[in-house]
Amino acid sequence: MTVTAVRKDPQRLTLTVVAEFDASVERVWQLWADPRQLERWWGPPTYPATFTKHDLAPGSRVEYHMTGPAGDQPHGYWDVLEVEPPRRILLRDACANADGTPNPESTIRVDIEEVAPGHTRMSIESVFTSTEAMEQALANGTDEGLSQAVSQIDAILAEETIQRQIQRRAVVTTSTNQPTTNSAGRELRP
């Protein structure tokens, strides 16, 4: 499984999800940088996300909503505080009420690091503003939801691996079916 650890630290007011992938740092970064890819995994399977605004530049905002099984659409946003592509993102995270006012905020720190060639660790740490905010998030299932969301990344990466293998086979098949010619341009028969 992708997720290697889920840590809750009430003293530090943090929830951390750690995952490892058979992919490069740059590829894992693209899962954040491209809103269409982010939609494929942000949010648990029963609450897929739609990103309506996406700019990872410091000082900008990312806006999204999730659609639940009953059609409910909780909204959220990230104020982008710091970005160091392809290794780090620091966000102020909040869910918005129907009138647009924020619920308690947290800070999300995303760290992406190579642990071996072609093998990357991603850590998502949420830092809450108070014990009450952390307890509320955990009571709402944030830990389980984030773990389920991150676990969807393996399928995205596996699809790409399969597509690359199919493309390689098509190239090999095409090149082996081409007639071979000599320097005079005459076809050589096997």
N, C-alpha and C. Protein backbone atom coordinates (compact mmCIF):
# COMPACT_ATOMS: atom_id res chain seq x y z
N MET A 1 0.84 -1.19 0.00
CA MET A 1 0.00 0.00 0.00
C MET A 1 0.88 1.25 0.00
N THR A 2 0.41 2.27 -0.59
CA THR A 2 1.12 3.54 -0.72
C THR A 2 1.41 4.19 0.63
N VAL A 3 0.41 4.29 1.48
CA VAL A 3 0.56 4.99 2.75
C VAL A 3 1.39 4.13 3.70
N THR A 4 2.49 4.71 4.19
CA THR A 4 3.37 3.96 5.08
C THR A 4 3.19 4.35 6.54
N ALA A 5 2.60 5.52 6.80
CA ALA A 5 2.40 5.95 8.19
C ALA A 5 1.31 7.01 8.27
N VAL A 6 0.54 6.94 9.34
CA VAL A 6 -0.42 7.99 9.71
C VAL A 6 -0.13 8.29 11.17
N ARG A 7 0.35 9.51 11.43
CA ARG A 7 0.73 9.87 12.80
C ARG A 7 -0.13 11.04 13.29
N LYS A 8 -0.65 10.87 14.51
CA LYS A 8 -1.41 11.93 15.17
C LYS A 8 -0.64 12.33 16.41
N ASP A 9 -0.30 13.60 16.52
CA ASP A 9 0.48 14.08 17.65
C ASP A 9 -0.28 15.22 18.33
N PRO A 10 -1.06 14.91 19.37
CA PRO A 10 -1.86 15.94 20.04
C PRO A 10 -1.02 17.03 20.72
N GLN A 11 0.21 16.71 21.13
CA GLN A 11 1.07 17.72 21.75
C GLN A 11 1.50 18.77 20.73
N ARG A 12 1.82 18.32 19.52
CA ARG A 12 2.25 19.25 18.46
C ARG A 12 1.08 19.72 17.61
N LEU A 13 -0.12 19.17 17.85
CA LEU A 13 -1.33 19.48 17.09
C LEU A 13 -1.16 19.15 15.61
N THR A 14 -0.57 17.98 15.33
CA THR A 14 -0.31 17.60 13.94
C THR A 14 -0.93 16.25 13.58
N LEU A 15 -1.27 16.15 12.31
CA LEU A 15 -1.68 14.91 11.67
C LEU A 15 -0.77 14.78 10.46
N THR A 16 -0.05 13.67 10.36
CA THR A 16 0.89 13.48 9.26
C THR A 16 0.60 12.17 8.55
N VAL A 17 0.50 12.24 7.23
CA VAL A 17 0.35 11.05 6.39
C VAL A 17 1.60 10.96 5.53
N VAL A 18 2.26 9.81 5.57
CA VAL A 18 3.48 9.58 4.80
C VAL A 18 3.19 8.46 3.81
N ALA A 19 3.64 8.68 2.56
CA ALA A 19 3.44 7.68 1.51
C ALA A 19 4.70 7.58 0.66
N GLU A 20 4.88 6.42 0.05
CA GLU A 20 6.03 6.22 -0.85
C GLU A 20 5.52 5.70 -2.17
N PHE A 21 6.20 6.14 -3.24
CA PHE A 21 5.78 5.82 -4.60
C PHE A 21 6.96 5.39 -5.44
N ASP A 22 6.68 4.51 -6.39
CA ASP A 22 7.67 4.14 -7.41
C ASP A 22 7.55 5.16 -8.53
N ALA A 23 8.06 6.35 -8.27
CA ALA A 23 8.00 7.45 -9.23
C ALA A 23 9.06 8.48 -8.83
N SER A 24 9.40 9.32 -9.78
CA SER A 24 10.39 10.37 -9.49
C SER A 24 9.76 11.50 -8.67
N VAL A 25 10.61 12.30 -8.06
CA VAL A 25 10.17 13.48 -7.32
C VAL A 25 9.34 14.37 -8.25
N GLU A 26 9.83 14.57 -9.47
CA GLU A 26 9.14 15.44 -10.42
C GLU A 26 7.74 14.91 -10.75
N ARG A 27 7.62 13.59 -10.89
CA ARG A 27 6.31 13.00 -11.20
C ARG A 27 5.34 13.19 -10.04
N VAL A 28 5.80 12.99 -8.82
CA VAL A 28 4.94 13.18 -7.65
C VAL A 28 4.56 14.66 -7.53
N TRP A 29 5.48 15.55 -7.83
CA TRP A 29 5.17 16.99 -7.81
C TRP A 29 4.01 17.30 -8.76
N GLN A 30 4.00 16.68 -9.94
CA GLN A 30 2.94 16.94 -10.91
C GLN A 30 1.56 16.58 -10.38
N LEU A 31 1.49 15.65 -9.44
CA LEU A 31 0.21 15.29 -8.83
C LEU A 31 -0.39 16.47 -8.06
N TRP A 32 0.45 17.40 -7.64
CA TRP A 32 0.00 18.64 -6.99
C TRP A 32 -0.12 19.79 -7.98
N ALA A 33 0.81 19.87 -8.90
CA ALA A 33 0.91 21.04 -9.79
C ALA A 33 -0.17 21.07 -10.86
N ASP A 34 -0.68 19.92 -11.26
CA ASP A 34 -1.69 19.83 -12.32
C ASP A 34 -3.06 19.60 -11.67
N PRO A 35 -3.98 20.57 -11.79
CA PRO A 35 -5.28 20.43 -11.11
C PRO A 35 -6.08 19.22 -11.58
N ARG A 36 -5.95 18.82 -12.83
CA ARG A 36 -6.70 17.64 -13.31
C ARG A 36 -6.16 16.37 -12.66
N GLN A 37 -4.85 16.30 -12.41
CA GLN A 37 -4.29 15.15 -11.71
C GLN A 37 -4.67 15.20 -10.23
N LEU A 38 -4.65 16.37 -9.65
CA LEU A 38 -5.01 16.54 -8.24
C LEU A 38 -6.45 16.10 -8.00
N GLU A 39 -7.33 16.38 -8.95
CA GLU A 39 -8.73 15.96 -8.82
C GLU A 39 -8.87 14.45 -8.77
N ARG A 40 -7.94 13.74 -9.36
CA ARG A 40 -8.04 12.29 -9.41
C ARG A 40 -7.75 11.62 -8.07
N TRP A 41 -7.12 12.37 -7.14
CA TRP A 41 -6.78 11.72 -5.87
C TRP A 41 -7.13 12.56 -4.64
N TRP A 42 -7.30 13.87 -4.75
CA TRP A 42 -7.57 14.67 -3.55
C TRP A 42 -8.99 14.40 -3.09
N GLY A 43 -9.12 13.94 -1.89
CA GLY A 43 -10.42 13.55 -1.35
C GLY A 43 -10.58 12.06 -1.40
N PRO A 44 -11.29 11.50 -0.42
CA PRO A 44 -11.51 10.05 -0.44
C PRO A 44 -12.37 9.66 -1.64
N PRO A 45 -12.37 8.38 -2.02
CA PRO A 45 -13.10 7.95 -3.21
C PRO A 45 -14.58 8.36 -3.22
N THR A 46 -15.21 8.45 -2.07
CA THR A 46 -16.63 8.82 -2.03
C THR A 46 -16.85 10.34 -2.04
N TYR A 47 -15.79 11.13 -1.98
CA TYR A 47 -15.87 12.58 -2.01
C TYR A 47 -14.84 13.16 -2.99
N PRO A 48 -15.00 12.90 -4.30
CA PRO A 48 -14.01 13.42 -5.25
C PRO A 48 -14.01 14.95 -5.29
N ALA A 49 -12.86 15.50 -5.61
CA ALA A 49 -12.68 16.95 -5.62
C ALA A 49 -12.76 17.50 -7.04
N THR A 50 -13.22 18.74 -7.12
CA THR A 50 -13.19 19.52 -8.36
C THR A 50 -12.47 20.82 -8.02
N PHE A 51 -11.39 21.10 -8.72
CA PHE A 51 -10.63 22.33 -8.47
C PHE A 51 -11.11 23.41 -9.43
N THR A 52 -11.59 24.51 -8.87
CA THR A 52 -12.15 25.60 -9.67
C THR A 52 -11.15 26.73 -9.86
N LYS A 53 -10.13 26.77 -9.03
CA LYS A 53 -9.06 27.75 -9.15
C LYS A 53 -7.79 27.06 -8.67
N HIS A 54 -6.72 27.18 -9.45
CA HIS A 54 -5.50 26.47 -9.08
C HIS A 54 -4.28 27.24 -9.55
N ASP A 55 -3.54 27.77 -8.61
CA ASP A 55 -2.30 28.48 -8.92
C ASP A 55 -1.39 28.27 -7.71
N LEU A 56 -0.29 27.55 -7.91
CA LEU A 56 0.61 27.25 -6.80
C LEU A 56 1.68 28.30 -6.58
N ALA A 57 1.46 29.51 -7.03
CA ALA A 57 2.42 30.59 -6.78
C ALA A 57 2.19 31.16 -5.38
N PRO A 58 3.26 31.50 -4.65
CA PRO A 58 3.09 32.09 -3.33
C PRO A 58 2.19 33.33 -3.41
N GLY A 59 1.27 33.43 -2.46
CA GLY A 59 0.33 34.54 -2.43
C GLY A 59 -0.96 34.28 -3.18
N SER A 60 -1.05 33.17 -3.88
CA SER A 60 -2.27 32.86 -4.62
C SER A 60 -3.17 31.93 -3.81
N ARG A 61 -4.28 31.55 -4.42
CA ARG A 61 -5.24 30.69 -3.74
C ARG A 61 -5.66 29.55 -4.66
N VAL A 62 -5.85 28.39 -4.06
CA VAL A 62 -6.40 27.22 -4.74
C VAL A 62 -7.78 26.98 -4.13
N GLU A 63 -8.79 26.86 -4.98
CA GLU A 63 -10.16 26.65 -4.49
C GLU A 63 -10.71 25.35 -5.07
N TYR A 64 -11.49 24.66 -4.26
CA TYR A 64 -12.06 23.38 -4.70
C TYR A 64 -13.33 23.09 -3.94
N HIS A 65 -14.06 22.12 -4.43
CA HIS A 65 -15.17 21.55 -3.66
C HIS A 65 -15.13 20.04 -3.86
N MET A 66 -15.69 19.36 -2.91
CA MET A 66 -15.80 17.91 -2.98
C MET A 66 -17.29 17.59 -3.13
N THR A 67 -17.59 16.52 -3.83
CA THR A 67 -18.98 16.13 -4.02
C THR A 67 -19.21 14.79 -3.34
N GLY A 68 -20.08 14.82 -2.34
CA GLY A 68 -20.35 13.61 -1.57
C GLY A 68 -21.39 12.73 -2.23
N PRO A 69 -21.58 11.54 -1.70
CA PRO A 69 -22.52 10.58 -2.28
C PRO A 69 -23.96 11.08 -2.33
N ALA A 70 -24.32 11.98 -1.40
CA ALA A 70 -25.68 12.52 -1.38
C ALA A 70 -25.79 13.83 -2.16
N GLY A 71 -24.70 14.21 -2.85
CA GLY A 71 -24.72 15.44 -3.63
C GLY A 71 -24.26 16.68 -2.88
N ASP A 72 -23.93 16.52 -1.59
CA ASP A 72 -23.43 17.66 -0.82
C ASP A 72 -22.08 18.09 -1.39
N GLN A 73 -21.78 19.40 -1.29
CA GLN A 73 -20.54 19.92 -1.87
C GLN A 73 -19.81 20.83 -0.90
N PRO A 74 -19.10 20.23 0.06
CA PRO A 74 -18.28 21.08 0.94
C PRO A 74 -17.17 21.75 0.15
N HIS A 75 -16.95 23.04 0.43
CA HIS A 75 -15.93 23.82 -0.26
C HIS A 75 -14.69 23.97 0.61
N GLY A 76 -13.56 24.11 -0.03
CA GLY A 76 -12.31 24.33 0.68
C GLY A 76 -11.40 25.21 -0.15
N TYR A 77 -10.39 25.72 0.51
CA TYR A 77 -9.39 26.50 -0.22
C TYR A 77 -8.05 26.41 0.49
N TRP A 78 -7.01 26.67 -0.29
CA TRP A 78 -5.65 26.75 0.23
C TRP A 78 -5.08 28.10 -0.15
N ASP A 79 -4.60 28.84 0.81
CA ASP A 79 -3.80 30.02 0.52
C ASP A 79 -2.36 29.53 0.42
N VAL A 80 -1.72 29.81 -0.70
CA VAL A 80 -0.37 29.30 -0.96
C VAL A 80 0.63 30.23 -0.27
N LEU A 81 1.36 29.71 0.72
CA LEU A 81 2.31 30.50 1.50
C LEU A 81 3.72 30.40 0.94
N GLU A 82 4.17 29.18 0.65
CA GLU A 82 5.52 28.96 0.13
C GLU A 82 5.49 27.80 -0.86
N VAL A 83 6.35 27.89 -1.86
CA VAL A 83 6.47 26.82 -2.85
C VAL A 83 7.94 26.70 -3.25
N GLU A 84 8.44 25.46 -3.22
CA GLU A 84 9.79 25.15 -3.69
C GLU A 84 9.69 23.95 -4.62
N PRO A 85 9.29 24.18 -5.90
CA PRO A 85 9.14 23.04 -6.82
C PRO A 85 10.46 22.31 -7.00
N PRO A 86 10.47 21.03 -7.08
CA PRO A 86 9.39 20.07 -6.92
C PRO A 86 9.40 19.41 -5.54
N ARG A 87 9.80 20.14 -4.53
CA ARG A 87 10.06 19.50 -3.23
C ARG A 87 9.14 19.90 -2.08
N ARG A 88 8.54 21.08 -2.12
CA ARG A 88 7.87 21.54 -0.91
C ARG A 88 6.75 22.52 -1.23
N ILE A 89 5.66 22.41 -0.48
CA ILE A 89 4.54 23.35 -0.55
C ILE A 89 4.10 23.63 0.88
N LEU A 90 3.80 24.89 1.18
CA LEU A 90 3.24 25.27 2.47
C LEU A 90 1.93 26.01 2.19
N LEU A 91 0.83 25.51 2.75
CA LEU A 91 -0.50 26.03 2.47
C LEU A 91 -1.23 26.36 3.76
N ARG A 92 -2.06 27.38 3.73
CA ARG A 92 -3.05 27.61 4.79
C ARG A 92 -4.33 26.97 4.27
N ASP A 93 -4.87 26.04 5.00
CA ASP A 93 -6.01 25.23 4.57
C ASP A 93 -7.25 25.61 5.36
N ALA A 94 -8.37 25.74 4.67
CA ALA A 94 -9.63 25.99 5.37
C ALA A 94 -10.78 25.43 4.55
N CYS A 95 -11.77 25.00 5.24
CA CYS A 95 -13.04 24.64 4.61
C CYS A 95 -13.94 25.85 4.76
N ALA A 96 -14.74 26.12 3.77
CA ALA A 96 -15.61 27.28 3.81
C ALA A 96 -17.04 26.86 4.09
N ASN A 97 -17.72 27.66 4.88
CA ASN A 97 -19.14 27.46 5.10
C ASN A 97 -19.89 27.87 3.83
N ALA A 98 -21.19 27.61 3.78
CA ALA A 98 -21.99 27.94 2.60
C ALA A 98 -21.91 29.43 2.25
N ASP A 99 -21.75 30.29 3.26
CA ASP A 99 -21.67 31.73 3.01
C ASP A 99 -20.25 32.19 2.69
N GLY A 100 -19.30 31.24 2.63
CA GLY A 100 -17.93 31.58 2.27
C GLY A 100 -17.01 31.85 3.44
N THR A 101 -17.55 31.94 4.65
CA THR A 101 -16.69 32.17 5.81
C THR A 101 -15.95 30.89 6.15
N PRO A 102 -14.68 31.02 6.58
CA PRO A 102 -13.89 29.81 6.83
C PRO A 102 -14.23 29.14 8.15
N ASN A 103 -14.10 27.84 8.16
CA ASN A 103 -14.10 27.06 9.40
C ASN A 103 -12.68 27.16 9.95
N PRO A 104 -12.39 26.54 11.09
CA PRO A 104 -11.03 26.62 11.62
C PRO A 104 -9.99 26.23 10.58
N GLU A 105 -8.93 27.00 10.52
CA GLU A 105 -7.87 26.79 9.55
C GLU A 105 -6.81 25.86 10.13
N SER A 106 -6.03 25.32 9.22
CA SER A 106 -4.83 24.58 9.59
C SER A 106 -3.76 24.95 8.57
N THR A 107 -2.56 24.50 8.81
CA THR A 107 -1.48 24.68 7.86
C THR A 107 -1.11 23.30 7.34
N ILE A 108 -0.91 23.20 6.03
CA ILE A 108 -0.49 21.95 5.43
C ILE A 108 0.92 22.14 4.87
N ARG A 109 1.81 21.24 5.27
CA ARG A 109 3.17 21.23 4.73
C ARG A 109 3.34 19.94 3.95
N VAL A 110 3.67 20.07 2.68
CA VAL A 110 3.92 18.92 1.81
C VAL A 110 5.41 18.87 1.54
N ASP A 111 6.04 17.75 1.85
CA ASP A 111 7.45 17.53 1.55
C ASP A 111 7.55 16.33 0.63
N ILE A 112 8.33 16.48 -0.45
CA ILE A 112 8.53 15.42 -1.42
C ILE A 112 10.03 15.18 -1.54
N GLU A 113 10.46 13.94 -1.28
CA GLU A 113 11.90 13.66 -1.30
C GLU A 113 12.19 12.31 -1.93
N GLU A 114 13.32 12.26 -2.61
CA GLU A 114 13.78 11.00 -3.20
C GLU A 114 14.39 10.14 -2.10
N VAL A 115 13.97 8.89 -2.03
CA VAL A 115 14.55 7.97 -1.06
C VAL A 115 15.46 6.95 -1.74
N ALA A 116 15.30 6.81 -3.06
CA ALA A 116 16.16 5.96 -3.91
C ALA A 116 15.83 6.37 -5.34
N PRO A 117 16.69 6.07 -6.28
CA PRO A 117 16.38 6.44 -7.66
C PRO A 117 15.02 5.89 -8.08
N GLY A 118 14.15 6.77 -8.55
CA GLY A 118 12.82 6.37 -8.98
C GLY A 118 11.86 6.02 -7.85
N HIS A 119 12.22 6.35 -6.62
CA HIS A 119 11.39 6.04 -5.45
C HIS A 119 11.29 7.30 -4.59
N THR A 120 10.07 7.75 -4.33
CA THR A 120 9.84 9.04 -3.68
C THR A 120 8.94 8.91 -2.46
N ARG A 121 9.27 9.67 -1.43
CA ARG A 121 8.44 9.76 -0.23
C ARG A 121 7.75 11.12 -0.22
N MET A 122 6.46 11.10 0.06
CA MET A 122 5.69 12.33 0.21
C MET A 122 5.10 12.36 1.61
N SER A 123 5.28 13.47 2.29
CA SER A 123 4.74 13.65 3.63
C SER A 123 3.79 14.84 3.60
N ILE A 124 2.59 14.64 4.11
CA ILE A 124 1.59 15.71 4.21
C ILE A 124 1.31 15.90 5.69
N GLU A 125 1.74 17.05 6.22
CA GLU A 125 1.55 17.33 7.64
C GLU A 125 0.55 18.47 7.81
N SER A 126 -0.52 18.22 8.54
CA SER A 126 -1.49 19.26 8.89
C SER A 126 -1.19 19.71 10.32
N VAL A 127 -1.07 21.02 10.50
CA VAL A 127 -0.85 21.60 11.82
C VAL A 127 -2.09 22.39 12.17
N PHE A 128 -2.74 22.02 13.26
CA PHE A 128 -3.99 22.65 13.66
C PHE A 128 -3.76 23.82 14.60
N THR A 129 -4.70 24.74 14.64
CA THR A 129 -4.56 25.95 15.45
C THR A 129 -4.88 25.72 16.92
N SER A 130 -5.58 24.63 17.23
CA SER A 130 -5.94 24.36 18.62
C SER A 130 -6.26 22.88 18.79
N THR A 131 -6.31 22.45 20.02
CA THR A 131 -6.71 21.07 20.32
C THR A 131 -8.11 20.81 19.82
N GLU A 132 -8.99 21.78 20.01
CA GLU A 132 -10.38 21.63 19.57
C GLU A 132 -10.46 21.45 18.06
N ALA A 133 -9.68 22.24 17.31
CA ALA A 133 -9.70 22.13 15.85
C ALA A 133 -9.20 20.76 15.40
N MET A 134 -8.16 20.26 16.06
CA MET A 134 -7.64 18.94 15.72
C MET A 134 -8.66 17.86 16.05
N GLU A 135 -9.26 17.95 17.23
CA GLU A 135 -10.26 16.96 17.63
C GLU A 135 -11.44 16.95 16.66
N GLN A 136 -11.87 18.15 16.22
CA GLN A 136 -12.98 18.25 15.28
C GLN A 136 -12.61 17.59 13.95
N ALA A 137 -11.40 17.86 13.45
CA ALA A 137 -10.95 17.26 12.19
C ALA A 137 -10.90 15.74 12.29
N LEU A 138 -10.37 15.23 13.40
CA LEU A 138 -10.29 13.78 13.57
C LEU A 138 -11.68 13.16 13.73
N ALA A 139 -12.57 13.85 14.43
CA ALA A 139 -13.94 13.36 14.57
C ALA A 139 -14.66 13.31 13.23
N ASN A 140 -14.28 14.21 12.31
CA ASN A 140 -14.87 14.22 10.97
C ASN A 140 -14.21 13.21 10.03
N GLY A 141 -13.19 12.50 10.51
CA GLY A 141 -12.55 11.46 9.71
C GLY A 141 -11.46 11.96 8.79
N THR A 142 -10.88 13.12 9.10
CA THR A 142 -9.83 13.68 8.24
C THR A 142 -8.66 12.72 8.08
N ASP A 143 -8.27 12.04 9.14
CA ASP A 143 -7.13 11.11 9.04
C ASP A 143 -7.43 9.98 8.08
N GLU A 144 -8.59 9.37 8.20
CA GLU A 144 -8.97 8.27 7.32
C GLU A 144 -9.18 8.77 5.89
N GLY A 145 -9.82 9.92 5.75
CA GLY A 145 -10.08 10.46 4.41
C GLY A 145 -8.80 10.81 3.68
N LEU A 146 -7.84 11.42 4.38
CA LEU A 146 -6.57 11.77 3.74
C LEU A 146 -5.79 10.51 3.35
N SER A 147 -5.82 9.53 4.22
CA SER A 147 -5.14 8.26 3.93
C SER A 147 -5.77 7.59 2.70
N GLN A 148 -7.09 7.58 2.62
CA GLN A 148 -7.78 7.00 1.46
C GLN A 148 -7.45 7.79 0.19
N ALA A 149 -7.40 9.11 0.31
CA ALA A 149 -7.10 9.96 -0.84
C ALA A 149 -5.71 9.64 -1.39
N VAL A 150 -4.72 9.65 -0.53
CA VAL A 150 -3.34 9.40 -0.95
C VAL A 150 -3.19 7.99 -1.52
N SER A 151 -3.95 7.06 -1.00
CA SER A 151 -3.87 5.67 -1.49
C SER A 151 -4.32 5.54 -2.94
N GLN A 152 -5.02 6.53 -3.47
CA GLN A 152 -5.48 6.49 -4.86
C GLN A 152 -4.35 6.80 -5.85
N ILE A 153 -3.26 7.34 -5.37
CA ILE A 153 -2.17 7.76 -6.26
C ILE A 153 -1.53 6.57 -6.96
N ASP A 154 -1.39 5.44 -6.29
CA ASP A 154 -0.79 4.27 -6.92
C ASP A 154 -1.49 3.89 -8.21
N ALA A 155 -2.82 3.96 -8.23
CA ALA A 155 -3.56 3.61 -9.44
C ALA A 155 -3.25 4.58 -10.58
N ILE A 156 -3.10 5.85 -10.27
CA ILE A 156 -2.77 6.84 -11.29
C ILE A 156 -1.40 6.53 -11.88
N LEU A 157 -0.43 6.26 -11.03
CA LEU A 157 0.91 5.95 -11.50
C LEU A 157 0.95 4.62 -12.26
N ALA A 158 0.17 3.64 -11.83
CA ALA A 158 0.13 2.33 -12.50
C ALA A 158 -0.44 2.47 -13.91
N GLU A 159 -1.48 3.31 -14.08
CA GLU A 159 -2.05 3.54 -15.41
C GLU A 159 -0.98 4.06 -16.36
N GLU A 160 -0.18 5.00 -15.89
CA GLU A 160 0.87 5.57 -16.73
C GLU A 160 1.92 4.53 -17.09
N THR A 161 2.27 3.66 -16.16
CA THR A 161 3.25 2.60 -16.43
C THR A 161 2.71 1.67 -17.51
N ILE A 162 1.45 1.30 -17.43
CA ILE A 162 0.84 0.41 -18.42
C ILE A 162 0.81 1.10 -19.79
N GLN A 163 0.46 2.39 -19.81
CA GLN A 163 0.43 3.11 -21.09
C GLN A 163 1.82 3.17 -21.73
N ARG A 164 2.86 3.39 -20.92
CA ARG A 164 4.23 3.42 -21.45
C ARG A 164 4.62 2.06 -22.02
N GLN A 165 4.23 0.98 -21.32
CA GLN A 165 4.56 -0.37 -21.80
C GLN A 165 3.86 -0.66 -23.12
N ILE A 166 2.61 -0.25 -23.25
CA ILE A 166 1.87 -0.45 -24.50
C ILE A 166 2.53 0.34 -25.62
N GLN A 167 2.93 1.57 -25.34
CA GLN A 167 3.59 2.38 -26.37
C GLN A 167 4.91 1.77 -26.79
N ARG A 168 5.68 1.25 -25.84
CA ARG A 168 6.96 0.61 -26.18
C ARG A 168 6.74 -0.61 -27.06
N ARG A 169 5.73 -1.42 -26.72
CA ARG A 169 5.44 -2.61 -27.53
C ARG A 169 5.02 -2.21 -28.93
N ALA A 170 4.24 -1.13 -29.04
CA ALA A 170 3.80 -0.68 -30.37
C ALA A 170 5.00 -0.24 -31.19
N VAL A 171 5.96 0.44 -30.58
CA VAL A 171 7.16 0.87 -31.30
C VAL A 171 7.98 -0.34 -31.71
N VAL A 172 8.17 -1.29 -30.83
CA VAL A 172 8.95 -2.49 -31.14
C VAL A 172 8.26 -3.28 -32.24
N THR A 173 6.94 -3.46 -32.16
CA THR A 173 6.20 -4.20 -33.18
C THR A 173 6.31 -3.50 -34.52
N THR A 174 6.14 -2.19 -34.53
CA THR A 174 6.22 -1.43 -35.77
C THR A 174 7.61 -1.54 -36.38
N SER A 175 8.63 -1.40 -35.57
CA SER A 175 9.99 -1.44 -36.12
C SER A 175 10.38 -2.85 -36.58
N THR A 176 9.87 -3.89 -35.97
CA THR A 176 10.23 -5.25 -36.39
C THR A 176 9.45 -5.67 -37.62
N ASN A 177 8.36 -5.01 -37.93
CA ASN A 177 7.57 -5.34 -39.11
C ASN A 177 8.01 -4.56 -40.35
N GLN A 178 8.93 -3.66 -40.20
CA GLN A 178 9.41 -2.86 -41.33
C GLN A 178 10.42 -3.69 -42.12
N PRO A 179 10.32 -3.63 -43.45
CA PRO A 179 11.31 -4.35 -44.26
C PRO A 179 12.69 -3.73 -44.08
N THR A 180 13.70 -4.56 -44.13
CA THR A 180 15.07 -4.10 -44.03
C THR A 180 15.61 -3.96 -45.44
N THR A 181 16.32 -2.87 -45.69
CA THR A 181 16.90 -2.65 -47.02
C THR A 181 18.40 -2.55 -46.90
N ASN A 182 19.06 -2.84 -48.01
CA ASN A 182 20.52 -2.69 -48.04
C ASN A 182 20.87 -1.28 -48.51
N SER A 183 22.14 -0.99 -48.66
CA SER A 183 22.58 0.35 -49.02
C SER A 183 22.11 0.76 -50.41
N ALA A 184 21.76 -0.22 -51.26
CA ALA A 184 21.25 0.09 -52.59
C ALA A 184 19.76 0.30 -52.59
N GLY A 185 19.13 0.15 -51.42
CA GLY A 185 17.69 0.36 -51.32
C GLY A 185 16.87 -0.88 -51.63
N ARG A 186 17.53 -2.01 -51.83
CA ARG A 186 16.80 -3.25 -52.10
C ARG A 186 16.40 -3.93 -50.80
N GLU A 187 15.18 -4.44 -50.79
CA GLU A 187 14.65 -5.10 -49.61
C GLU A 187 15.38 -6.41 -49.37
N LEU A 188 15.77 -6.62 -48.13
CA LEU A 188 16.43 -7.86 -47.73
C LEU A 188 15.37 -8.77 -47.10
N ARG A 189 15.35 -9.98 -47.54
CA ARG A 189 14.38 -10.95 -47.00
C ARG A 189 15.07 -11.81 -45.95
N PRO A 190 14.35 -12.14 -44.91
CA PRO A 190 14.95 -13.01 -43.90
C PRO A 190 15.13 -14.43 -44.39
